[in-house]
PDB file of N, CA and C in Angstrom:
ATOM      1  N   MET A   1      -9.128 -18.854   2.278  1.00  0.00           N
ATOM      2  CA  MET A   1      -7.685 -18.490   2.419  1.00  0.00           C
ATOM      3  C   MET A   1      -7.378 -17.041   3.701  1.00  0.00           C
ATOM      4  N   VAL A   2      -6.713 -17.172   4.435  1.00  0.00           N
ATOM      5  CA  VAL A   2      -6.395 -15.949   5.314  1.00  0.00           C
ATOM      6  C   VAL A   2      -5.069 -15.396   4.599  1.00  0.00           C
ATOM      7  N   ALA A   3      -5.078 -14.022   4.644  1.00  0.00           N
ATOM      8  CA  ALA A   3      -3.493 -13.472   4.212  1.00  0.00           C
ATOM      9  C   ALA A   3      -3.005 -13.183   5.610  1.00  0.00           C
ATOM     10  N   GLN A   4      -1.630 -13.825   4.821  1.00  0.00           N
ATOM     11  CA  GLN A   4      -0.736 -13.391   5.590  1.00  0.00           C
ATOM     12  C   GLN A   4       0.287 -12.390   5.566  1.00  0.00           C
ATOM     13  N   ARG A   5       0.119 -11.901   4.141  1.00  0.00           N
ATOM     14  CA  ARG A   5       1.082 -10.747   3.741  1.00  0.00           C
ATOM     15  C   ARG A   5       0.399 -10.137   2.539  1.00  0.00           C
ATOM     16  N   ILE A   6       1.021  -8.624   2.553  1.00  0.00           N
ATOM     17  CA  ILE A   6       0.670  -7.711   1.812  1.00  0.00           C
ATOM     18  C   ILE A   6       2.151  -7.667   0.512  1.00  0.00           C
ATOM     19  N   ASN A   7       1.537  -7.754  -0.414  1.00  0.00           N
ATOM     20  CA  ASN A   7       2.645  -7.361  -1.405  1.00  0.00           C
ATOM     21  C   ASN A   7       2.518  -6.093  -2.020  1.00  0.00           C
ATOM     22  N   LEU A   8       2.696  -5.094  -2.475  1.00  0.00           N
ATOM     23  CA  LEU A   8       2.748  -3.531  -2.730  1.00  0.00           C
ATOM     24  C   LEU A   8       3.413  -3.492  -3.678  1.00  0.00           C
ATOM     25  N   ARG A   9       3.203  -3.308  -5.271  1.00  0.00           N
ATOM     26  CA  ARG A   9       3.622  -2.409  -6.241  1.00  0.00           C
ATOM     27  C   ARG A   9       3.190  -1.014  -6.479  1.00  0.00           C
ATOM     28  N   ILE A  10       4.157  -0.291  -6.540  1.00  0.00           N
ATOM     29  CA  ILE A  10       3.822   1.221  -6.698  1.00  0.00           C
ATOM     30  C   ILE A  10       4.368   2.019  -7.959  1.00  0.00           C
ATOM     31  N   THR A  11       3.893   2.519  -8.594  1.00  0.00           N
ATOM     32  CA  THR A  11       4.153   3.077  -9.823  1.00  0.00           C
ATOM     33  C   THR A  11       3.892   4.666  -9.833  1.00  0.00           C
ATOM     34  N   PHE A  12       5.063   5.586 -10.575  1.00  0.00           N
ATOM     35  CA  PHE A  12       4.733   6.734 -10.851  1.00  0.00           C
ATOM     36  C   PHE A  12       5.204   7.369 -12.422  1.00  0.00           C
ATOM     37  N   ASP A  13       3.794   7.640 -13.035  1.00  0.00           N
ATOM     38  CA  ASP A  13       4.297   8.100 -14.554  1.00  0.00           C
ATOM     39  C   ASP A  13       4.611   6.835 -15.249  1.00  0.00           C
ATOM     40  N   GLY A  14       3.738   5.758 -14.653  1.00  0.00           N
ATOM     41  CA  GLY A  14       3.867   4.382 -15.767  1.00  0.00           C
ATOM     42  C   GLY A  14       5.312   3.710 -15.248  1.00  0.00           C
ATOM     43  N   ARG A  15       6.339   4.042 -14.164  1.00  0.00           N
ATOM     44  CA  ARG A  15       7.488   3.318 -14.162  1.00  0.00           C
ATOM     45  C   ARG A  15       7.381   2.354 -12.996  1.00  0.00           C
ATOM     46  N   VAL A  16       8.010   1.306 -12.612  1.00  0.00           N
ATOM     47  CA  VAL A  16       8.021   0.412 -10.934  1.00  0.00           C
ATOM     48  C   VAL A  16       8.853   1.577 -10.234  1.00  0.00           C
ATOM     49  N   LEU A  17       8.547   1.588  -9.270  1.00  0.00           N
ATOM     50  CA  LEU A  17       9.353   2.665  -8.304  1.00  0.00           C
ATOM     51  C   LEU A  17       9.562   1.781  -6.913  1.00  0.00           C
ATOM     52  N   LEU A  18       8.342   0.999  -7.049  1.00  0.00           N
ATOM     53  CA  LEU A  18       9.037   0.185  -5.366  1.00  0.00           C
ATOM     54  C   LEU A  18       8.072  -1.509  -5.538  1.00  0.00           C
ATOM     55  N   ARG A  19       8.452  -2.282  -5.340  1.00  0.00           N
ATOM     56  CA  ARG A  19       7.951  -3.543  -5.234  1.00  0.00           C
ATOM     57  C   ARG A  19       8.249  -3.904  -3.772  1.00  0.00           C
ATOM     58  N   SER A  20       7.195  -4.402  -2.854  1.00  0.00           N
ATOM     59  CA  SER A  20       7.658  -4.986  -1.093  1.00  0.00           C
ATOM     60  C   SER A  20       6.651  -5.476  -0.825  1.00  0.00           C
ATOM     61  N   SER A  21       7.116  -6.352   0.007  1.00  0.00           N
ATOM     62  CA  SER A  21       6.304  -7.048   0.818  1.00  0.00           C
ATOM     63  C   SER A  21       6.440  -7.011   2.384  1.00  0.00           C
ATOM     64  N   PHE A  22       4.711  -7.239   2.958  1.00  0.00           N
ATOM     65  CA  PHE A  22       4.623  -6.999   4.268  1.00  0.00           C
ATOM     66  C   PHE A  22       4.358  -7.871   5.120  1.00  0.00           C
ATOM     67  N   ASP A  23       4.691  -8.266   6.295  1.00  0.00           N
ATOM     68  CA  ASP A  23       3.940  -9.394   7.020  1.00  0.00           C
ATOM     69  C   ASP A  23       3.485  -8.798   8.370  1.00  0.00           C
ATOM     70  N   LYS A  24       3.121  -7.412   8.400  1.00  0.00           N
ATOM     71  CA  LYS A  24       2.296  -7.281   9.482  1.00  0.00           C
ATOM     72  C   LYS A  24       0.809  -6.669   9.261  1.00  0.00           C
ATOM     73  N   GLY A  25       0.478  -5.880  10.436  1.00  0.00           N
ATOM     74  CA  GLY A  25      -1.236  -6.406  10.155  1.00  0.00           C
ATOM     75  C   GLY A  25      -1.885  -4.937   9.927  1.00  0.00           C
ATOM     76  N   ILE A  26      -1.051  -3.807   9.828  1.00  0.00           N
ATOM     77  CA  ILE A  26      -1.349  -2.084   9.490  1.00  0.00           C
ATOM     78  C   ILE A  26       0.161  -1.741   8.832  1.00  0.00           C
ATOM     79  N   ILE A  27      -0.226  -1.038   7.508  1.00  0.00           N
ATOM     80  CA  ILE A  27       1.155  -0.497   6.665  1.00  0.00           C
ATOM     81  C   ILE A  27       0.564   1.157   6.587  1.00  0.00           C
ATOM     82  N   LEU A  28       1.054   1.609   7.401  1.00  0.00           N
ATOM     83  CA  LEU A  28       1.241   3.140   6.971  1.00  0.00           C
ATOM     84  C   LEU A  28       1.634   3.874   5.669  1.00  0.00           C
ATOM     85  N   ILE A  29       1.057   4.545   4.785  1.00  0.00           N
ATOM     86  CA  ILE A  29       1.808   4.900   3.764  1.00  0.00           C
ATOM     87  C   ILE A  29       2.019   6.653   3.782  1.00  0.00           C
ATOM     88  N   GLY A  30       2.662   7.236   3.742  1.00  0.00           N
ATOM     89  CA  GLY A  30       2.564   9.019   4.056  1.00  0.00           C
ATOM     90  C   GLY A  30       4.609   8.921   3.347  1.00  0.00           C
ATOM     91  N   ARG A  31       4.303  10.393   3.881  1.00  0.00           N
ATOM     92  CA  ARG A  31       5.874  11.257   3.516  1.00  0.00           C
ATOM     93  C   ARG A  31       6.241  11.643   4.808  1.00  0.00           C
ATOM     94  N   GLY A  32       5.848  10.988   6.119  1.00  0.00           N
ATOM     95  CA  GLY A  32       6.520  11.166   7.407  1.00  0.00           C
ATOM     96  C   GLY A  32       7.469  10.442   7.462  1.00  0.00           C
ATOM     97  N   SER A  33       8.268  10.702   8.781  1.00  0.00           N
ATOM     98  CA  SER A  33       9.227   9.221   9.249  1.00  0.00           C
ATOM     99  C   SER A  33       8.838   8.424   9.680  1.00  0.00           C
ATOM    100  N   GLU A  34       7.440   8.222  10.334  1.00  0.00           N
ATOM    101  CA  GLU A  34       6.885   7.317  11.117  1.00  0.00           C
ATOM    102  C   GLU A  34       6.116   6.453  10.038  1.00  0.00           C
ATOM    103  N   ALA A  35       6.134   6.582   8.684  1.00  0.00           N
ATOM    104  CA  ALA A  35       5.400   5.525   7.785  1.00  0.00           C
ATOM    105  C   ALA A  35       6.220   4.886   7.309  1.00  0.00           C
ATOM    106  N   ASP A  36       5.512   3.126   6.745  1.00  0.00           N
ATOM    107  CA  ASP A  36       6.186   2.140   6.694  1.00  0.00           C
ATOM    108  C   ASP A  36       6.776   2.358   5.098  1.00  0.00           C
ATOM    109  N   VAL A  37       5.695   3.224   4.516  1.00  0.00           N
ATOM    110  CA  VAL A  37       5.854   3.274   2.807  1.00  0.00           C
ATOM    111  C   VAL A  37       6.219   4.725   2.570  1.00  0.00           C
ATOM    112  N   LEU A  38       7.424   5.544   2.148  1.00  0.00           N
ATOM    113  CA  LEU A  38       7.386   6.696   1.869  1.00  0.00           C
ATOM    114  C   LEU A  38       7.318   6.994   0.948  1.00  0.00           C
ATOM    115  N   LEU A  39       6.372   7.777   0.285  1.00  0.00           N
ATOM    116  CA  LEU A  39       6.328   9.003  -0.480  1.00  0.00           C
ATOM    117  C   LEU A  39       6.741  10.556  -0.646  1.00  0.00           C
ATOM    118  N   PRO A  40       7.404  10.507  -1.673  1.00  0.00           N
ATOM    119  CA  PRO A  40       7.985  11.595  -1.389  1.00  0.00           C
ATOM    120  C   PRO A  40       7.247  12.818  -2.402  1.00  0.00           C
ATOM    121  N   SER A  41       6.411  13.486  -1.673  1.00  0.00           N
ATOM    122  CA  SER A  41       5.724  14.498  -2.340  1.00  0.00           C
ATOM    123  C   SER A  41       4.846  15.389  -1.462  1.00  0.00           C
ATOM    124  N   ASP A  42       4.526  16.914  -2.002  1.00  0.00           N
ATOM    125  CA  ASP A  42       4.244  17.875  -1.055  1.00  0.00           C
ATOM    126  C   ASP A  42       2.728  17.208  -0.887  1.00  0.00           C
ATOM    127  N   ARG A  43       2.216  16.642  -1.760  1.00  0.00           N
ATOM    128  CA  ARG A  43       0.619  16.720  -2.202  1.00  0.00           C
ATOM    129  C   ARG A  43      -0.033  14.943  -1.141  1.00  0.00           C
ATOM    130  N   VAL A  44       1.490  14.334  -0.356  1.00  0.00           N
ATOM    131  CA  VAL A  44       1.102  13.082   0.345  1.00  0.00           C
ATOM    132  C   VAL A  44       1.130  13.661   1.719  1.00  0.00           C
ATOM    133  N   SER A  45       0.609  13.929   2.896  1.00  0.00           N
ATOM    134  CA  SER A  45       0.526  14.051   3.432  1.00  0.00           C
ATOM    135  C   SER A  45       1.058  13.070   4.982  1.00  0.00           C
ATOM    136  N   ARG A  46       1.392  13.110   5.568  1.00  0.00           N
ATOM    137  CA  ARG A  46       2.781  12.926   6.583  1.00  0.00           C
ATOM    138  C   ARG A  46       2.137  11.541   6.688  1.00  0.00           C
ATOM    139  N   SER A  47       1.104  11.257   7.315  1.00  0.00           N
ATOM    140  CA  SER A  47       0.220  10.113   7.460  1.00  0.00           C
ATOM    141  C   SER A  47      -0.890   9.561   6.719  1.00  0.00           C
ATOM    142  N   HIS A  48      -0.502   9.431   5.373  1.00  0.00           N
ATOM    143  CA  HIS A  48      -1.672   9.499   4.363  1.00  0.00           C
ATOM    144  C   HIS A  48      -2.745   8.692   4.170  1.00  0.00           C
ATOM    145  N   CYS A  49      -2.396   7.573   4.179  1.00  0.00           N
ATOM    146  CA  CYS A  49      -3.427   6.199   4.325  1.00  0.00           C
ATOM    147  C   CYS A  49      -2.679   4.763   5.060  1.00  0.00           C
ATOM    148  N   GLN A  50      -3.484   4.130   5.210  1.00  0.00           N
ATOM    149  CA  GLN A  50      -3.248   2.546   5.912  1.00  0.00           C
ATOM    150  C   GLN A  50      -3.998   1.457   5.038  1.00  0.00           C
ATOM    151  N   LEU A  51      -2.875   0.232   5.265  1.00  0.00           N
ATOM    152  CA  LEU A  51      -3.614  -0.632   4.794  1.00  0.00           C
ATOM    153  C   LEU A  51      -3.704  -1.742   6.192  1.00  0.00           C
ATOM    154  N   GLU A  52      -4.635  -2.448   6.078  1.00  0.00           N
ATOM    155  CA  GLU A  52      -4.961  -3.238   7.086  1.00  0.00           C
ATOM    156  C   GLU A  52      -5.552  -4.710   6.852  1.00  0.00           C
ATOM    157  N   LEU A  53      -4.691  -5.757   7.060  1.00  0.00           N
ATOM    158  CA  LEU A  53      -5.007  -6.880   6.947  1.00  0.00           C
ATOM    159  C   LEU A  53      -5.998  -7.342   8.235  1.00  0.00           C
ATOM    160  N   VAL A  54      -7.346  -7.630   7.433  1.00  0.00           N
ATOM    161  CA  VAL A  54      -8.660  -8.129   8.209  1.00  0.00           C
ATOM    162  C   VAL A  54      -8.809  -9.721   7.722  1.00  0.00           C
ATOM    163  N   GLY A  55      -8.678 -10.608   8.109  1.00  0.00           N
ATOM    164  CA  GLY A  55      -8.946 -11.898   8.040  1.00  0.00           C
ATOM    165  C   GLY A  55      -8.311 -12.440   6.448  1.00  0.00           C
ATOM    166  N   ASP A  56      -9.181 -12.129   5.644  1.00  0.00           N
ATOM    167  CA  ASP A  56      -8.891 -12.327   4.170  1.00  0.00           C
ATOM    168  C   ASP A  56      -8.970 -11.169   3.199  1.00  0.00           C
ATOM    169  N   SER A  57      -9.374 -10.188   3.908  1.00  0.00           N
ATOM    170  CA  SER A  57      -9.924  -9.011   3.625  1.00  0.00           C
ATOM    171  C   SER A  57      -8.245  -7.721   3.798  1.00  0.00           C
ATOM    172  N   CYS A  58      -8.597  -7.089   3.132  1.00  0.00           N
ATOM    173  CA  CYS A  58      -7.275  -5.431   2.670  1.00  0.00           C
ATOM    174  C   CYS A  58      -8.185  -4.307   3.307  1.00  0.00           C
ATOM    175  N   ILE A  59      -8.443  -3.891   3.870  1.00  0.00           N
ATOM    176  CA  ILE A  59      -8.794  -2.529   4.389  1.00  0.00           C
ATOM    177  C   ILE A  59      -7.957  -1.150   4.032  1.00  0.00           C
ATOM    178  N   LEU A  60      -8.148  -0.632   3.185  1.00  0.00           N
ATOM    179  CA  LEU A  60      -7.555   0.503   2.899  1.00  0.00           C
ATOM    180  C   LEU A  60      -8.568   2.348   3.497  1.00  0.00           C
ATOM    181  N   GLN A  61      -7.547   2.929   4.456  1.00  0.00           N
ATOM    182  CA  GLN A  61      -8.343   3.982   5.029  1.00  0.00           C
ATOM    183  C   GLN A  61      -7.655   5.100   4.504  1.00  0.00           C
ATOM    184  N   ASP A  62      -8.351   5.795   4.128  1.00  0.00           N
ATOM    185  CA  ASP A  62      -7.499   7.314   4.488  1.00  0.00           C
ATOM    186  C   ASP A  62      -7.635   7.992   5.991  1.00  0.00           C
ATOM    187  N   LEU A  63      -6.771   8.841   6.189  1.00  0.00           N
ATOM    188  CA  LEU A  63      -6.186   9.352   7.524  1.00  0.00           C
ATOM    189  C   LEU A  63      -6.652  10.683   7.548  1.00  0.00           C
ATOM    190  N   GLY A  64      -7.305  11.170   6.685  1.00  0.00           N
ATOM    191  CA  GLY A  64      -7.587  12.844   7.113  1.00  0.00           C
ATOM    192  C   GLY A  64      -6.910  13.327   5.892  1.00  0.00           C
ATOM    193  N   SER A  65      -6.273  13.083   4.933  1.00  0.00           N
ATOM    194  CA  SER A  65      -5.524  13.463   4.465  1.00  0.00           C
ATOM    195  C   SER A  65      -6.228  14.226   3.219  1.00  0.00           C
ATOM    196  N   LEU A  66      -5.587  15.659   3.121  1.00  0.00           N
ATOM    197  CA  LEU A  66      -5.877  16.572   2.625  1.00  0.00           C
ATOM    198  C   LEU A  66      -6.402  16.676   0.804  1.00  0.00           C
ATOM    199  N   HIS A  67      -5.417  15.386   0.325  1.00  0.00           N
ATOM    200  CA  HIS A  67      -5.896  15.559  -1.333  1.00  0.00           C
ATOM    201  C   HIS A  67      -6.327  14.400  -1.418  1.00  0.00           C
ATOM    202  N   GLY A  68      -6.418  13.378  -0.387  1.00  0.00           N
ATOM    203  CA  GLY A  68      -7.116  12.451  -0.467  1.00  0.00           C
ATOM    204  C   GLY A  68      -6.436  11.028  -1.225  1.00  0.00           C
ATOM    205  N   THR A  69      -7.795  10.049  -1.056  1.00  0.00           N
ATOM    206  CA  THR A  69      -7.078   8.560  -1.461  1.00  0.00           C
ATOM    207  C   THR A  69      -8.190   8.162  -2.566  1.00  0.00           C
ATOM    208  N   ARG A  70      -7.970   7.342  -3.677  1.00  0.00           N
ATOM    209  CA  ARG A  70      -9.234   7.068  -4.542  1.00  0.00           C
ATOM    210  C   ARG A  70      -8.515   5.525  -5.284  1.00  0.00           C
ATOM    211  N   VAL A  71      -9.559   5.300  -4.961  1.00  0.00           N
ATOM    212  CA  VAL A  71      -9.569   3.726  -5.447  1.00  0.00           C
ATOM    213  C   VAL A  71     -10.327   3.918  -6.941  1.00  0.00           C
ATOM    214  N   ASN A  72      -9.695   3.524  -8.078  1.00  0.00           N
ATOM    215  CA  ASN A  72     -10.468   3.577  -9.283  1.00  0.00           C
ATOM    216  C   ASN A  72     -10.806   4.505  -9.524  1.00  0.00           C
ATOM    217  N   GLY A  73     -10.412   5.619  -9.370  1.00  0.00           N
ATOM    218  CA  GLY A  73     -10.578   7.113  -9.561  1.00  0.00           C
ATOM    219  C   GLY A  73     -11.789   7.585  -8.717  1.00  0.00           C
ATOM    220  N   VAL A  74     -12.183   7.116  -7.831  1.00  0.00           N
ATOM    221  CA  VAL A  74     -13.097   7.363  -6.794  1.00  0.00           C
ATOM    222  C   VAL A  74     -12.692   7.592  -5.304  1.00  0.00           C
ATOM    223  N   ARG A  75     -12.763   8.941  -4.974  1.00  0.00           N
ATOM    224  CA  ARG A  75     -12.394   9.191  -3.435  1.00  0.00           C
ATOM    225  C   ARG A  75     -12.625   8.743  -2.440  1.00  0.00           C
ATOM    226  N   ILE A  76     -12.102   7.830  -1.440  1.00  0.00           N
ATOM    227  CA  ILE A  76     -12.692   7.074  -0.249  1.00  0.00           C
ATOM    228  C   ILE A  76     -12.041   7.692   1.035  1.00  0.00           C
ATOM    229  N   ASP A  77     -12.725   7.169   1.903  1.00  0.00           N
ATOM    230  CA  ASP A  77     -12.345   7.301   3.178  1.00  0.00           C
ATOM    231  C   ASP A  77     -12.297   5.807   3.804  1.00  0.00           C
ATOM    232  N   ARG A  78     -12.788   4.821   3.097  1.00  0.00           N
ATOM    233  CA  ARG A  78     -12.804   3.505   3.899  1.00  0.00           C
ATOM    234  C   ARG A  78     -12.768   2.750   2.686  1.00  0.00           C
ATOM    235  N   HIS A  79     -12.275   1.429   2.571  1.00  0.00           N
ATOM    236  CA  HIS A  79     -12.606   0.890   1.434  1.00  0.00           C
ATOM    237  C   HIS A  79     -12.143  -0.777   1.503  1.00  0.00           C
ATOM    238  N   ILE A  80     -12.868  -1.441   1.131  1.00  0.00           N
ATOM    239  CA  ILE A  80     -12.591  -3.019   1.083  1.00  0.00           C
ATOM    240  C   ILE A  80     -11.747  -3.219  -0.018  1.00  0.00           C
ATOM    241  N   LEU A  81     -10.813  -3.714  -0.375  1.00  0.00           N
ATOM    242  CA  LEU A  81     -10.307  -3.735  -1.563  1.00  0.00           C
ATOM    243  C   LEU A  81     -10.579  -5.015  -2.435  1.00  0.00           C
ATOM    244  N   VAL A  82     -10.723  -5.097  -3.549  1.00  0.00           N
ATOM    245  CA  VAL A  82     -11.197  -6.274  -4.143  1.00  0.00           C
ATOM    246  C   VAL A  82     -10.074  -6.742  -5.562  1.00  0.00           C
ATOM    247  N   ALA A  83      -9.901  -7.918  -5.747  1.00  0.00           N
ATOM    248  CA  ALA A  83      -8.837  -8.021  -7.040  1.00  0.00           C
ATOM    249  C   ALA A  83      -8.724  -6.890  -8.060  1.00  0.00           C
ATOM    250  N   GLY A  84      -8.215  -6.156  -8.264  1.00  0.00           N
ATOM    251  CA  GLY A  84      -8.193  -5.635  -9.607  1.00  0.00           C
ATOM    252  C   GLY A  84      -8.188  -3.971  -9.276  1.00  0.00           C
ATOM    253  N   ASP A  85      -8.420  -3.558  -8.379  1.00  0.00           N
ATOM    254  CA  ASP A  85      -8.305  -2.029  -7.761  1.00  0.00           C
ATOM    255  C   ASP A  85      -7.396  -1.571  -7.958  1.00  0.00           C
ATOM    256  N   SER A  86      -7.391   0.046  -8.181  1.00  0.00           N
ATOM    257  CA  SER A  86      -6.224   0.629  -8.172  1.00  0.00           C
ATOM    258  C   SER A  86      -6.295   1.859  -7.387  1.00  0.00           C
ATOM    259  N   ILE A  87      -5.321   2.126  -6.619  1.00  0.00           N
ATOM    260  CA  ILE A  87      -5.329   2.744  -5.592  1.00  0.00           C
ATOM    261  C   ILE A  87      -4.322   3.700  -5.865  1.00  0.00           C
ATOM    262  N   GLN A  88      -4.699   5.406  -6.254  1.00  0.00           N
ATOM    263  CA  GLN A  88      -4.318   6.761  -6.668  1.00  0.00           C
ATOM    264  C   GLN A  88      -4.123   7.620  -5.017  1.00  0.00           C
ATOM    265  N   ILE A  89      -2.874   7.688  -5.112  1.00  0.00           N
ATOM    266  CA  ILE A  89      -2.224   8.766  -4.014  1.00  0.00           C
ATOM    267  C   ILE A  89      -1.396   9.649  -4.803  1.00  0.00           C
ATOM    268  N   ASP A  90      -1.858  10.576  -5.019  1.00  0.00           N
ATOM    269  CA  ASP A  90      -1.163  11.953  -6.020  1.00  0.00           C
ATOM    270  C   ASP A  90      -0.861  11.681  -7.133  1.00  0.00           C
ATOM    271  N   ASP A  91       0.298  11.553  -7.551  1.00  0.00           N
ATOM    272  CA  ASP A  91       0.356  10.828  -8.894  1.00  0.00           C
ATOM    273  C   ASP A  91       1.103   9.345  -8.790  1.00  0.00           C
ATOM    274  N   PHE A  92       1.295   8.525  -7.685  1.00  0.00           N
ATOM    275  CA  PHE A  92       1.347   7.267  -7.179  1.00  0.00           C
ATOM    276  C   PHE A  92       0.397   6.789  -7.981  1.00  0.00           C
ATOM    277  N   ALA A  93       0.723   5.514  -8.151  1.00  0.00           N
ATOM    278  CA  ALA A  93      -0.616   4.348  -8.369  1.00  0.00           C
ATOM    279  C   ALA A  93      -0.006   3.125  -7.029  1.00  0.00           C
ATOM    280  N   VAL A  94      -0.949   2.709  -6.825  1.00  0.00           N
ATOM    281  CA  VAL A  94      -0.662   1.679  -5.981  1.00  0.00           C
ATOM    282  C   VAL A  94      -1.591   0.263  -6.336  1.00  0.00           C
ATOM    283  N   TRP A  95      -0.892  -0.898  -6.251  1.00  0.00           N
ATOM    284  CA  TRP A  95      -1.335  -1.941  -6.583  1.00  0.00           C
ATOM    285  C   TRP A  95      -1.271  -2.914  -5.092  1.00  0.00           C
ATOM    286  N   VAL A  96      -2.194  -3.643  -4.879  1.00  0.00           N
ATOM    287  CA  VAL A  96      -2.143  -4.523  -3.429  1.00  0.00           C
ATOM    288  C   VAL A  96      -2.116  -6.129  -3.818  1.00  0.00           C
ATOM    289  N   GLU A  97      -1.352  -7.161  -3.607  1.00  0.00           N
ATOM    290  CA  GLU A  97      -1.648  -8.307  -3.540  1.00  0.00           C
ATOM    291  C   GLU A  97      -1.804  -8.944  -2.195  1.00  0.00           C
ATOM    292  N   LEU A  98      -3.072  -9.617  -1.967  1.00  0.00           N
ATOM    293  CA  LEU A  98      -3.233 -10.595  -0.730  1.00  0.00           C
ATOM    294  C   LEU A  98      -2.029 -12.125  -1.287  1.00  0.00           C
ATOM    295  N   VAL A  99      -1.193 -12.181  -0.052  1.00  0.00           N
ATOM    296  CA  VAL A  99      -0.613 -13.792  -0.722  1.00  0.00           C
ATOM    297  C   VAL A  99      -0.968 -14.497   0.997  1.00  0.00           C
ATOM    298  N   PRO A 100      -1.510 -15.899   0.931  1.00  0.00           N
ATOM    299  CA  PRO A 100      -1.492 -16.644   2.402  1.00  0.00           C
ATOM    300  C   PRO A 100      -0.085 -17.143   2.214  1.00  0.00           C
ATOM    301  N   LYS A 101       0.367 -17.429   3.680  1.00  0.00           N
ATOM    302  CA  LYS A 101       1.503 -17.515   4.120  1.00  0.00           C
ATOM    303  C   LYS A 101       2.420 -18.482   3.091  1.00  0.00           C
ATOM    304  N   CYS A 102       1.327 -19.203   2.918  1.00  0.00           N
ATOM    305  CA  CYS A 102       1.894 -21.178   2.337  1.00  0.00           C
ATOM    306  C   CYS A 102       2.285 -20.753   0.530  1.00  0.00           C
ATOM    307  N   ASP A 103       2.122 -19.300   0.220  1.00  0.00           N
ATOM    308  CA  ASP A 103       2.452 -19.480  -1.053  1.00  0.00           C
ATOM    309  C   ASP A 103       3.547 -18.623  -1.673  1.00  0.00           C
ATOM    310  N   GLU A 104       4.187 -18.774  -0.230  1.00  0.00           N
ATOM    311  CA  GLU A 104       5.380 -17.482  -0.037  1.00  0.00           C
ATOM    312  C   GLU A 104       6.605 -18.660  -1.074  1.00  0.00           C
ATOM    313  N   THR A 105       7.700 -17.681  -1.763  1.00  0.00           N
ATOM    314  CA  THR A 105       8.773 -18.632  -2.441  1.00  0.00           C
ATOM    315  C   THR A 105       9.700 -17.541  -2.265  1.00  0.00           C
ATOM    316  N   ALA A 106      10.982 -18.376  -2.358  1.00  0.00           N
ATOM    317  CA  ALA A 106      12.565 -17.445  -2.150  1.00  0.00           C
ATOM    318  C   ALA A 106      12.258 -15.972  -3.036  1.00  0.00           C
ATOM    319  N   ALA A 107      12.032 -16.189  -3.808  1.00  0.00           N
ATOM    320  CA  ALA A 107      11.740 -14.807  -4.835  1.00  0.00           C
ATOM    321  C   ALA A 107      10.995 -13.733  -3.974  1.00  0.00           C
ATOM    322  N   ASP A 108       9.604 -14.440  -3.343  1.00  0.00           N
ATOM    323  CA  ASP A 108       8.839 -13.594  -2.459  1.00  0.00           C
ATOM    324  C   ASP A 108       9.938 -12.952  -1.222  1.00  0.00           C
ATOM    325  N   ARG A 109      10.311 -13.886  -0.668  1.00  0.00           N
ATOM    326  CA  ARG A 109      11.067 -13.342   0.145  1.00  0.00           C
ATOM    327  C   ARG A 109      12.033 -12.292   0.316  1.00  0.00           C
ATOM    328  N   GLN A 110      12.466 -12.174  -1.336  1.00  0.00           N
ATOM    329  CA  GLN A 110      13.421 -11.277  -1.474  1.00  0.00           C
ATOM    330  C   GLN A 110      13.007  -9.697  -1.615  1.00  0.00           C
ATOM    331  N   LEU A 111      11.585  -9.970  -1.879  1.00  0.00           N
ATOM    332  CA  LEU A 111      10.700  -8.418  -1.401  1.00  0.00           C
ATOM    333  C   LEU A 111      10.332  -7.778  -0.347  1.00  0.00           C
ATOM    334  N   ILE A 112      10.497  -8.644   0.859  1.00  0.00           N
ATOM    335  CA  ILE A 112      10.587  -8.026   1.729  1.00  0.00           C
ATOM    336  C   ILE A 112      11.582  -6.864   2.538  1.00  0.00           C
ATOM    337  N   GLN A 113      11.186  -5.883   2.629  1.00  0.00           N
ATOM    338  CA  GLN A 113      11.749  -4.839   3.103  1.00  0.00           C
ATOM    339  C   GLN A 113      11.650  -4.479   4.166  1.00  0.00           C
ATOM    340  N   ASP A 114      12.698  -3.445   5.449  1.00  0.00           N
ATOM    341  CA  ASP A 114      12.078  -3.236   6.650  1.00  0.00           C
ATOM    342  C   ASP A 114      11.336  -1.949   6.398  1.00  0.00           C
ATOM    343  N   ARG A 115      11.859  -0.924   5.469  1.00  0.00           N
ATOM    344  CA  ARG A 115      10.914   0.158   5.640  1.00  0.00           C
ATOM    345  C   ARG A 115      11.338   0.565   4.250  1.00  0.00           C
ATOM    346  N   PRO A 116      10.573   0.104   3.401  1.00  0.00           N
ATOM    347  CA  PRO A 116      10.750   0.913   1.777  1.00  0.00           C
ATOM    348  C   PRO A 116      10.762   2.693   1.686  1.00  0.00           C
ATOM    349  N   THR A 117      11.249   3.055   0.756  1.00  0.00           N
ATOM    350  CA  THR A 117      11.259   4.489   0.134  1.00  0.00           C
ATOM    351  C   THR A 117      11.339   4.371  -1.386  1.00  0.00           C
ATOM    352  N   LEU A 118      10.873   5.806  -1.264  1.00  0.00           N
ATOM    353  CA  LEU A 118      11.011   6.170  -2.216  1.00  0.00           C
ATOM    354  C   LEU A 118      11.389   7.598  -2.671  1.00  0.00           C
ATOM    355  N   ARG A 119      13.147   7.589  -2.779  1.00  0.00           N
ATOM    356  CA  ARG A 119      13.863   9.189  -3.073  1.00  0.00           C
ATOM    357  C   ARG A 119      14.812   8.380  -4.161  1.00  0.00           C
TER     358      ARG A 119
END
């Protein structure tokens, strides 16, 4: 399976704040205007971390953020995500699902947004 899209679900304090889907190779997460996913917190760096599709894998990389990026509670610099991993950025929890292009449904297409933001 070669992943063609990344589905993201972001929660804060147990509430789902964002569900979105991306079909680009690199997704920037941060609080800056250039971020693909904006997280409104002073503890989130402008360019905090990125997700990158590489073949059938998704690599999470912290971009030198002050407060760090954690996977399953452990601070990381770079991590190859596996099913069930939980990403923590400040008080936000992020779950990633890799979806092959052929698995796309009409409901999935409704998730696609140009630039989601949590404001």
